Protein backbone atom coordinates (compact mmCIF):
# COMPACT_ATOMS: atom_id res chain seq x y z
CA UNK A 1 -2.92 -76.53 -31.15
CA UNK A 2 -6.11 -74.85 -29.75
CA UNK A 3 -7.85 -72.34 -32.01
CA UNK A 4 -8.40 -68.66 -30.89
CA UNK A 5 -11.77 -68.04 -29.30
CA UNK A 6 -12.89 -65.57 -31.97
CA UNK A 7 -11.30 -67.42 -34.87
CA UNK A 8 -13.89 -67.65 -37.68
CA UNK A 9 -12.30 -68.91 -40.92
CA UNK A 10 -15.72 -69.21 -42.69
CA UNK A 11 -16.82 -65.66 -41.63
CA UNK A 12 -20.23 -66.86 -40.41
CA UNK A 13 -20.26 -64.28 -37.60
CA UNK A 14 -19.51 -61.43 -40.01
CA UNK A 15 -22.62 -62.25 -42.13
CA UNK A 16 -24.88 -62.04 -39.08
CA UNK A 17 -23.18 -58.87 -37.79
CA UNK A 18 -23.51 -57.12 -41.17
CA UNK A 19 -27.19 -57.98 -41.31
CA UNK A 20 -27.68 -56.45 -37.84
CA UNK A 21 -25.92 -53.22 -38.90
CA UNK A 22 -28.08 -52.98 -42.02
CA UNK A 23 -31.30 -53.35 -40.00
CA UNK A 24 -30.13 -50.66 -37.51
CA UNK A 25 -29.22 -48.31 -40.37
CA UNK A 26 -32.60 -48.66 -42.03
CA UNK A 27 -34.39 -48.15 -38.71
CA UNK A 28 -32.49 -44.95 -37.84
CA UNK A 29 -33.02 -43.56 -41.35
CA UNK A 30 -36.76 -44.27 -41.13
CA UNK A 31 -37.01 -42.50 -37.77
CA UNK A 32 -35.25 -39.43 -39.14
CA UNK A 33 -37.51 -39.25 -42.19
CA UNK A 34 -40.59 -39.67 -39.98
CA UNK A 35 -39.48 -36.87 -37.68
CA UNK A 36 -38.79 -34.43 -40.54
CA UNK A 37 -42.10 -35.17 -42.29
CA UNK A 38 -44.17 -34.91 -39.10
CA UNK A 39 -42.66 -31.56 -38.15
CA UNK A 40 -42.99 -30.02 -41.61
CA UNK A 41 -46.60 -31.18 -42.16
CA UNK A 42 -47.89 -30.50 -38.64
CA UNK A 43 -50.64 -27.82 -38.68
CA UNK A 44 -49.94 -26.75 -35.09
CA UNK A 45 -47.66 -23.75 -34.63
CA UNK A 46 -45.58 -23.16 -31.56
CA UNK A 47 -46.88 -20.20 -29.50
CA UNK A 48 -44.98 -16.98 -29.81
CA UNK A 49 -43.20 -15.57 -26.78
CA UNK A 50 -44.50 -12.11 -26.03
CA UNK A 51 -41.69 -9.91 -24.72
CA UNK A 52 -42.06 -6.40 -23.41
CA UNK A 53 -40.33 -3.93 -25.66
CA UNK A 54 -37.13 -2.48 -24.23
CA UNK A 55 -37.76 1.10 -23.22
CA UNK A 56 -34.15 2.18 -23.35
CA UNK A 57 -30.96 0.98 -24.91
CA UNK A 58 -28.50 -0.98 -22.79
CA UNK A 59 -25.00 0.41 -22.42
CA UNK A 60 -21.77 -0.72 -20.80
CA UNK A 61 -20.99 0.53 -17.33
CA UNK A 62 -18.25 3.08 -17.09
CA UNK A 63 -15.26 2.34 -14.91
CA UNK A 64 -16.35 4.67 -12.10
CA UNK A 65 -19.75 2.92 -11.98
CA UNK A 66 -18.18 -0.49 -11.46
CA UNK A 67 -16.08 0.29 -8.41
CA UNK A 68 -17.59 0.71 -4.92
CA UNK A 69 -18.73 4.22 -4.16
CA UNK A 70 -16.14 6.19 -2.18
CA UNK A 71 -16.95 7.25 1.33
CA UNK A 72 -18.62 10.59 1.66
CA UNK A 73 -16.63 13.67 2.55
CA UNK A 74 -16.49 14.12 6.30
CA UNK A 75 -17.12 17.38 8.13
CA UNK A 76 -13.75 17.73 9.89
CA UNK A 77 -12.87 20.65 7.58
CA UNK A 78 -14.30 24.06 8.38
CA UNK A 79 -13.00 25.95 5.35
CA UNK A 80 -12.46 25.23 1.66
CA UNK A 81 -8.89 26.49 1.62
CA UNK A 82 -6.09 24.20 0.48
CA UNK A 83 -5.21 21.72 3.23
CA UNK A 84 -1.50 22.55 3.02
CA UNK A 85 -2.35 26.20 3.77
CA UNK A 86 -4.21 25.41 7.01
CA UNK A 87 -2.35 26.06 10.27
CA UNK A 88 -1.72 22.67 11.83
CA UNK A 89 -3.38 21.78 15.14
CA UNK A 90 -5.71 24.75 14.96
CA UNK A 91 -9.47 24.43 15.17
CA UNK A 92 -9.51 22.80 11.74
CA UNK A 93 -8.18 19.25 11.72
CA UNK A 94 -6.15 17.99 8.76
CA UNK A 95 -5.88 14.35 7.74
CA UNK A 96 -2.96 12.98 5.79
CA UNK A 97 -2.09 9.61 4.32
CA UNK A 98 0.91 7.94 2.72
CA UNK A 99 0.71 6.27 -0.69
CA UNK A 100 3.19 3.57 -1.73
CA UNK A 101 3.75 1.97 -5.12
CA UNK A 102 4.81 -1.47 -3.86
CA UNK A 103 1.45 -2.40 -2.33
CA UNK A 104 -1.51 -2.78 -4.70
CA UNK A 105 -3.90 -2.25 -1.77
CA UNK A 106 -2.61 1.30 -1.48
CA UNK A 107 -4.31 2.50 -4.66
CA UNK A 108 -7.45 0.51 -3.92
CA UNK A 109 -7.70 2.17 -0.52
CA UNK A 110 -7.02 5.60 -2.01
CA UNK A 111 -9.93 5.21 -4.44
CA UNK A 112 -12.31 4.47 -1.59
CA UNK A 113 -11.04 6.88 1.07
CA UNK A 114 -9.84 9.92 -0.85
CA UNK A 115 -12.83 12.04 0.26
CA UNK A 116 -11.64 11.66 3.85
CA UNK A 117 -8.05 12.81 3.44
CA UNK A 118 -6.56 16.23 2.79
CA UNK A 119 -2.85 15.66 2.10
CA UNK A 120 -1.36 12.66 0.30
CA UNK A 121 2.34 11.93 0.80
CA UNK A 122 3.25 9.83 -2.25
CA UNK A 123 6.38 7.70 -1.89
CA UNK A 124 7.64 8.11 -5.44
CA UNK A 125 11.22 9.38 -5.24
CA UNK A 126 14.52 8.07 -3.90
CA UNK A 127 18.05 9.39 -3.33
CA UNK A 128 20.49 6.47 -3.24
CA UNK A 129 23.92 7.99 -3.85
CA UNK A 130 26.12 10.94 -2.87
CA UNK A 131 25.48 12.61 -6.26
CA UNK A 132 21.93 13.48 -5.15
CA UNK A 133 20.26 12.14 -8.29
CA UNK A 134 16.51 11.76 -7.83
CA UNK A 135 15.22 8.37 -8.97
CA UNK A 136 11.88 6.69 -9.45
CA UNK A 137 10.96 3.05 -10.00
CA UNK A 138 8.93 1.66 -12.90
CA UNK A 139 6.42 -1.19 -13.05
CA UNK A 140 9.25 -3.66 -13.68
CA UNK A 141 10.90 -2.49 -10.43
CA UNK A 142 13.75 -0.81 -12.29
CA UNK A 143 15.20 2.52 -11.15
CA UNK A 144 15.36 5.49 -13.49
CA UNK A 145 16.27 9.17 -13.23
CA UNK A 146 13.18 11.35 -13.02
CA UNK A 147 14.77 14.68 -13.91
CA UNK A 148 18.32 14.17 -15.20
CA UNK A 149 20.12 17.32 -16.27
CA UNK A 150 19.44 18.13 -19.91
CA UNK A 151 16.64 15.55 -20.28
CA UNK A 152 12.85 15.82 -20.04
CA UNK A 153 11.18 15.08 -16.72
CA UNK A 154 9.88 11.52 -16.54
CA UNK A 155 6.57 10.63 -14.91
CA UNK A 156 6.65 8.35 -11.88
CA UNK A 157 2.91 7.78 -11.71
CA UNK A 158 0.16 6.99 -14.18
CA UNK A 159 -2.64 6.31 -11.68
CA UNK A 160 -2.82 8.64 -8.69
CA UNK A 161 -2.76 12.06 -10.33
CA UNK A 162 -5.07 11.12 -13.24
CA UNK A 163 -7.52 9.55 -10.80
CA UNK A 164 -7.60 12.49 -8.39
CA UNK A 165 -8.00 14.93 -11.28
CA UNK A 166 -10.85 12.91 -12.78
CA UNK A 167 -12.62 12.90 -9.42
CA UNK A 168 -11.92 16.61 -8.85
CA UNK A 169 -10.63 15.55 -5.44
CA UNK A 170 -9.62 18.23 -2.97
CA UNK A 171 -6.41 16.40 -2.04
CA UNK A 172 -3.00 18.09 -1.92
CA UNK A 173 -0.41 15.69 -3.37
CA UNK A 174 3.09 15.97 -1.90
CA UNK A 175 5.77 13.65 -3.39
CA UNK A 176 7.97 12.02 -0.76
CA UNK A 177 11.72 11.46 -1.16
CA UNK A 178 13.58 8.88 0.92
CA UNK A 179 16.79 6.85 0.96
CA UNK A 180 15.01 3.50 0.61
CA UNK A 181 16.16 1.28 -2.26
CA UNK A 182 12.96 -0.22 -3.73
CA UNK A 183 14.88 -2.77 -5.79
CA UNK A 184 16.89 -4.25 -2.91
CA UNK A 185 14.08 -3.49 -0.44
CA UNK A 186 16.31 -1.90 2.18
CA UNK A 187 17.21 1.44 3.69
CA UNK A 188 20.67 2.57 2.62
CA UNK A 189 23.13 3.72 5.27
CA UNK A 190 25.13 5.97 2.92
CA UNK A 191 22.78 8.93 3.27
CA UNK A 192 25.47 10.79 5.22
CA UNK A 193 27.70 10.92 2.13
CA UNK A 194 24.96 12.71 0.21
CA UNK A 195 24.06 15.14 2.99
CA UNK A 196 27.70 16.11 3.51
CA UNK A 197 28.23 16.69 -0.22
CA UNK A 198 27.36 20.31 -1.05
CA UNK A 199 27.37 19.64 -4.79
CA UNK A 200 25.15 16.59 -4.31
CA UNK A 201 22.65 18.65 -2.32
CA UNK A 202 22.62 21.33 -5.04
CA UNK A 203 22.02 18.72 -7.73
CA UNK A 204 19.25 17.15 -5.68
CA UNK A 205 17.45 20.44 -5.18
CA UNK A 206 17.67 21.32 -8.88
CA UNK A 207 16.27 17.97 -10.02
CA UNK A 208 13.53 17.99 -7.40
CA UNK A 209 12.37 21.49 -8.38
CA UNK A 210 12.24 20.45 -12.04
CA UNK A 211 10.16 17.41 -11.13
CA UNK A 212 7.72 19.37 -8.95
CA UNK A 213 7.14 21.85 -11.78
CA UNK A 214 5.82 19.01 -13.96
CA UNK A 215 2.43 18.70 -12.25
CA UNK A 216 0.15 20.26 -9.67
CA UNK A 217 2.13 19.18 -6.65
CA UNK A 218 1.92 21.14 -3.40
CA UNK A 219 5.48 20.62 -2.23
CA UNK A 220 7.83 17.88 -1.06
CA UNK A 221 8.29 15.58 1.92
CA UNK A 222 11.70 14.36 3.11
CA UNK A 223 12.07 10.97 4.82
CA UNK A 224 15.80 10.33 5.22
CA UNK A 225 16.52 7.68 7.83
CA UNK A 226 19.63 6.37 9.57
CA UNK A 227 21.33 9.76 9.37
CA UNK A 228 24.68 9.62 11.22
CA UNK A 229 25.54 12.32 13.74
CA UNK A 230 28.37 13.55 11.51
CA UNK A 231 25.87 14.29 8.72
CA UNK A 232 23.41 16.27 10.85
CA UNK A 233 24.94 19.65 9.82
CA UNK A 234 24.47 18.67 6.17
CA UNK A 235 20.88 17.59 6.88
CA UNK A 236 20.07 20.93 8.51
CA UNK A 237 21.71 22.73 5.59
CA UNK A 238 19.62 20.75 3.08
CA UNK A 239 16.35 21.49 4.86
CA UNK A 240 17.26 25.18 5.10
CA UNK A 241 18.23 25.40 1.42
CA UNK A 242 15.32 23.33 0.16
CA UNK A 243 12.85 25.21 2.34
CA UNK A 244 13.97 28.50 0.82
CA UNK A 245 13.68 27.07 -2.71
CA UNK A 246 10.18 25.71 -2.17
CA UNK A 247 8.77 28.66 -0.24
CA UNK A 248 9.96 31.03 -2.96
CA UNK A 249 7.74 29.06 -5.35
CA UNK A 250 4.73 28.87 -3.04
CA UNK A 251 5.35 25.19 -2.21
CA UNK A 252 5.49 23.38 1.14
CA UNK A 253 8.16 21.26 2.82
CA UNK A 254 7.48 18.46 5.31
CA UNK A 255 10.15 16.46 7.13
CA UNK A 256 9.92 13.05 8.83
CA UNK A 257 11.84 12.94 12.13
CA UNK A 258 12.25 10.31 14.87
CA UNK A 259 10.79 10.91 18.30
CA UNK A 260 12.93 12.15 21.21
CA UNK A 261 16.25 11.97 19.34
CA UNK A 262 18.79 14.48 20.66
CA UNK A 263 20.79 14.25 17.42
CA UNK A 264 18.07 16.22 15.63
CA UNK A 265 17.77 19.98 15.96
CA UNK A 266 13.98 20.13 15.90
CA UNK A 267 13.93 23.93 16.25
CA UNK A 268 16.00 24.51 13.10
CA UNK A 269 14.12 21.87 11.10
CA UNK A 270 10.74 23.29 12.14
CA UNK A 271 11.77 26.87 11.38
CA UNK A 272 12.65 25.97 7.78
CA UNK A 273 9.77 23.61 7.03
CA UNK A 274 5.97 23.60 7.18
CA UNK A 275 5.59 20.52 9.32
CA UNK A 276 7.58 17.81 11.11
CA UNK A 277 6.08 14.33 10.94
CA UNK A 278 7.14 12.72 14.22
CA UNK A 279 7.49 9.00 13.61
CA UNK A 280 5.72 7.92 16.78
CA UNK A 281 6.13 4.16 16.38
CA UNK A 282 8.78 1.39 16.45
CA UNK A 283 9.00 1.21 20.24
CA UNK A 284 9.81 -2.41 19.44
CA UNK A 285 11.20 -3.33 16.04
CA UNK A 286 13.55 -5.63 14.14
CA UNK A 287 16.45 -5.36 16.62
CA UNK A 288 14.41 -5.63 19.81
CA UNK A 289 12.45 -8.26 21.70
CA UNK A 290 8.76 -8.69 20.78
CA UNK A 291 6.55 -5.94 22.13
CA UNK A 292 4.13 -3.12 21.31
CA UNK A 293 4.79 -1.04 18.24
CA UNK A 294 3.64 2.04 20.18
CA UNK A 295 2.30 1.47 23.69
CA UNK A 296 -0.22 4.05 24.84
CA UNK A 297 1.93 5.63 27.59
CA UNK A 298 5.01 5.65 25.34
CA UNK A 299 3.02 7.23 22.52
CA UNK A 300 1.57 9.99 24.72
CA UNK A 301 4.95 10.69 26.33
CA UNK A 302 6.48 11.27 22.89
CA UNK A 303 3.69 13.65 21.91
CA UNK A 304 4.14 15.63 25.13
CA UNK A 305 7.89 15.89 24.52
CA UNK A 306 7.32 16.93 20.89
CA UNK A 307 5.09 19.78 22.08
CA UNK A 308 7.99 21.02 24.22
CA UNK A 309 10.56 20.71 21.41
CA UNK A 310 8.54 21.71 18.33
CA UNK A 311 6.09 24.57 17.75
CA UNK A 312 2.56 23.23 17.97
CA UNK A 313 1.68 24.49 14.50
CA UNK A 314 4.50 22.40 12.99
CA UNK A 315 3.65 19.03 14.59
CA UNK A 316 2.19 16.17 12.56
CA UNK A 317 1.84 13.04 14.68
CA UNK A 318 2.79 9.84 12.88
CA UNK A 319 0.84 6.63 13.50
CA UNK A 320 2.32 3.17 12.98
CA UNK A 321 0.39 1.17 10.44
CA UNK A 322 2.07 -2.22 10.00
CA UNK A 323 3.11 -5.28 12.00
CA UNK A 324 6.17 -7.27 13.05
CA UNK A 325 6.38 -11.06 13.10
CA UNK A 326 9.01 -12.32 15.54
CA UNK A 327 10.33 -15.88 15.21
CA UNK A 328 11.53 -17.19 18.57
CA UNK A 329 13.74 -20.20 19.15
CA UNK A 330 12.28 -22.10 22.11
CA UNK A 331 15.57 -23.70 23.03
CA UNK A 332 17.50 -20.44 23.37
CA UNK A 333 14.56 -18.13 23.96
CA UNK A 334 16.07 -15.60 21.53
CA UNK A 335 14.56 -13.98 18.47
CA UNK A 336 15.83 -15.84 15.42
CA UNK A 337 14.12 -13.78 12.71
CA UNK A 338 11.85 -10.76 12.34
CA UNK A 339 9.58 -9.96 9.41
CA UNK A 340 7.88 -6.66 8.66
CA UNK A 341 4.28 -7.38 7.61
CA UNK A 342 1.42 -5.37 6.27
CA UNK A 343 -1.55 -5.58 8.57
CA UNK A 344 -3.41 -7.73 6.04
CA UNK A 345 -0.53 -10.23 6.14
CA UNK A 346 -0.52 -10.14 9.94
CA UNK A 347 -4.24 -10.92 10.09
CA UNK A 348 -3.73 -13.73 7.58
CA UNK A 349 -0.83 -15.26 9.55
CA UNK A 350 -2.87 -15.19 12.74
CA UNK A 351 -5.76 -16.88 10.94
CA UNK A 352 -3.49 -19.58 9.49
CA UNK A 353 -2.11 -20.23 12.97
CA UNK A 354 -5.63 -20.50 14.40
CA UNK A 355 -4.57 -17.87 16.93
CA UNK A 356 -6.76 -15.28 18.59
CA UNK A 357 -5.86 -11.61 18.15
CA UNK A 358 -5.91 -9.83 21.49
CA UNK A 359 -5.92 -6.16 22.45
CA UNK A 360 -3.60 -5.54 25.37
CA UNK A 361 -5.37 -3.36 27.95
CA UNK A 362 -2.17 -1.57 28.99
CA UNK A 363 -0.47 -0.83 25.66
CA UNK A 364 -3.72 -0.72 23.62
CA UNK A 365 -1.87 -2.58 20.88
CA UNK A 366 -3.10 -5.79 19.25
CA UNK A 367 -1.03 -8.97 19.16
CA UNK A 368 -1.21 -12.72 18.68
CA UNK A 369 0.86 -15.78 19.55
CA UNK A 370 0.74 -19.17 17.90
CA UNK A 371 0.71 -22.55 19.64
CA UNK A 372 3.95 -24.30 20.72
CA UNK A 373 5.74 -26.07 17.92
CA UNK A 374 7.02 -29.67 18.14
CA UNK A 375 10.38 -28.43 16.85
CA UNK A 376 10.75 -26.14 19.84
CA UNK A 377 9.39 -22.62 19.98
CA UNK A 378 6.27 -20.88 18.82
CA UNK A 379 5.11 -21.62 15.33
CA UNK A 380 2.43 -21.02 12.83
CA UNK A 381 1.27 -24.13 11.05
CA UNK A 382 2.99 -22.88 7.94
CA UNK A 383 6.32 -22.36 9.73
CA UNK A 384 8.90 -25.12 10.19
CA UNK A 385 10.18 -23.68 13.47
CA UNK A 386 9.22 -21.15 16.12
CA UNK A 387 7.19 -17.99 15.56
CA UNK A 388 5.15 -15.51 17.45
CA UNK A 389 3.48 -12.55 15.89
CA UNK A 390 2.67 -9.09 17.07
CA UNK A 391 0.41 -6.71 15.22
CA UNK A 392 0.97 -3.19 16.41
CA UNK A 393 -1.09 -0.15 15.63
CA UNK A 394 -2.83 2.86 17.19
CA UNK A 395 -5.52 5.30 16.17
CA UNK A 396 -4.33 8.86 15.78
CA UNK A 397 -4.51 11.14 18.81
CA UNK A 398 -3.58 14.39 17.07
CA UNK A 399 -5.91 16.37 14.86
CA UNK A 400 -3.25 16.57 12.18
CA UNK A 401 -3.19 12.79 11.97
CA UNK A 402 -5.62 10.49 10.25
CA UNK A 403 -8.24 8.30 11.90
CA UNK A 404 -9.93 5.74 9.71
CA UNK A 405 -11.70 2.38 10.14
CA UNK A 406 -9.05 0.01 11.60
CA UNK A 407 -9.57 -2.77 9.08
CA UNK A 408 -8.88 -0.30 6.28
CA UNK A 409 -6.38 1.85 8.07
CA UNK A 410 -3.93 -0.85 9.06
CA UNK A 411 -1.84 -1.65 6.05
CA UNK A 412 1.75 -1.22 4.99
CA UNK A 413 4.23 0.93 6.87
CA UNK A 414 2.69 4.29 7.46
CA UNK A 415 2.56 7.47 9.45
CA UNK A 416 -0.36 9.78 9.53
CA UNK A 417 -1.62 6.97 7.44
CA UNK A 418 -4.96 5.74 6.47
CA UNK A 419 -3.86 2.77 4.57
CA UNK A 420 -2.13 2.13 1.68
């Protein structure tokens, strides 16, 4: 039987290996001793580093010094009176913007652009049932009552108001109430039940007034959508009642309304409010074929009609500030899916698709289309089947609207919006 290669029954290799280790150990020890002795007995001293004495003590930067400086206040205002007290569409232009809690870019944009806006519509409150209870949403995206009867008023914001106060910003904050469910991310179609419920309207008004008394708010903005024709009398009654409540307390009321909709009594709504925000966008939307969000001729036509239907000093022109992404099935040629995107998302999708963004010379709206997909249709590289995208937006044409740098302005759904 052959012996293992390293088999050494007499341990001759171990004797030689141990001797080698001993020699290495003595050598390393000698080198260490030599190094220590030479350093300690050396007469030469290392030169000293001459540093200039610090003239002042260092301190940590404060939070406001770390962020980019906000833009300077523009000269569109001619007086120092409160923006909500200025007559709309007079010689003094007023800029307004919408703030939303579900987009982090909204607060970032506010911090940079607040010197350029006058009124901030803050989307904080929601009415989701016929009882008229006013609800907010917390950081965990959970709904809560903001002013339930018999309980203290709960705060819906811990950023916007403290920030504006710390900056001594001349911005009128107007909380906005809508029928959008922030948890399910959808507009509710039961708003008619609330508007037709007199007790629900009374409860809503009482809770809203309690909430508004909790801070230095300038009024309220109503954005109820998908109101059925049968509930229009209740809607007019609510605006009339709420307008009386707010005006008696020196507060303002603003109402979002669709453009050229014969179901709405613009005269009554304008007479009982301080401004109607005409939602001059969604020429094409989730139920239509791809197209401009607000083509130039369509946009101007709506403004001209609004001037005929609404007193000029009550018109606030809304500007679309978001994008739609239509998915098209090449085989059928029909829209298979539509997504509502922030403008940042729309730019990103176009970049991922290696598609050029084009400004249509007729509609003056921007759009993009991706290359044909092997699976049939138009597709981004990240999409399994067909897609085309359209980014729609316009600068404001009315003095009571906001005009801001496009790259900053185009974000989330907005009207009179500068971002956010």
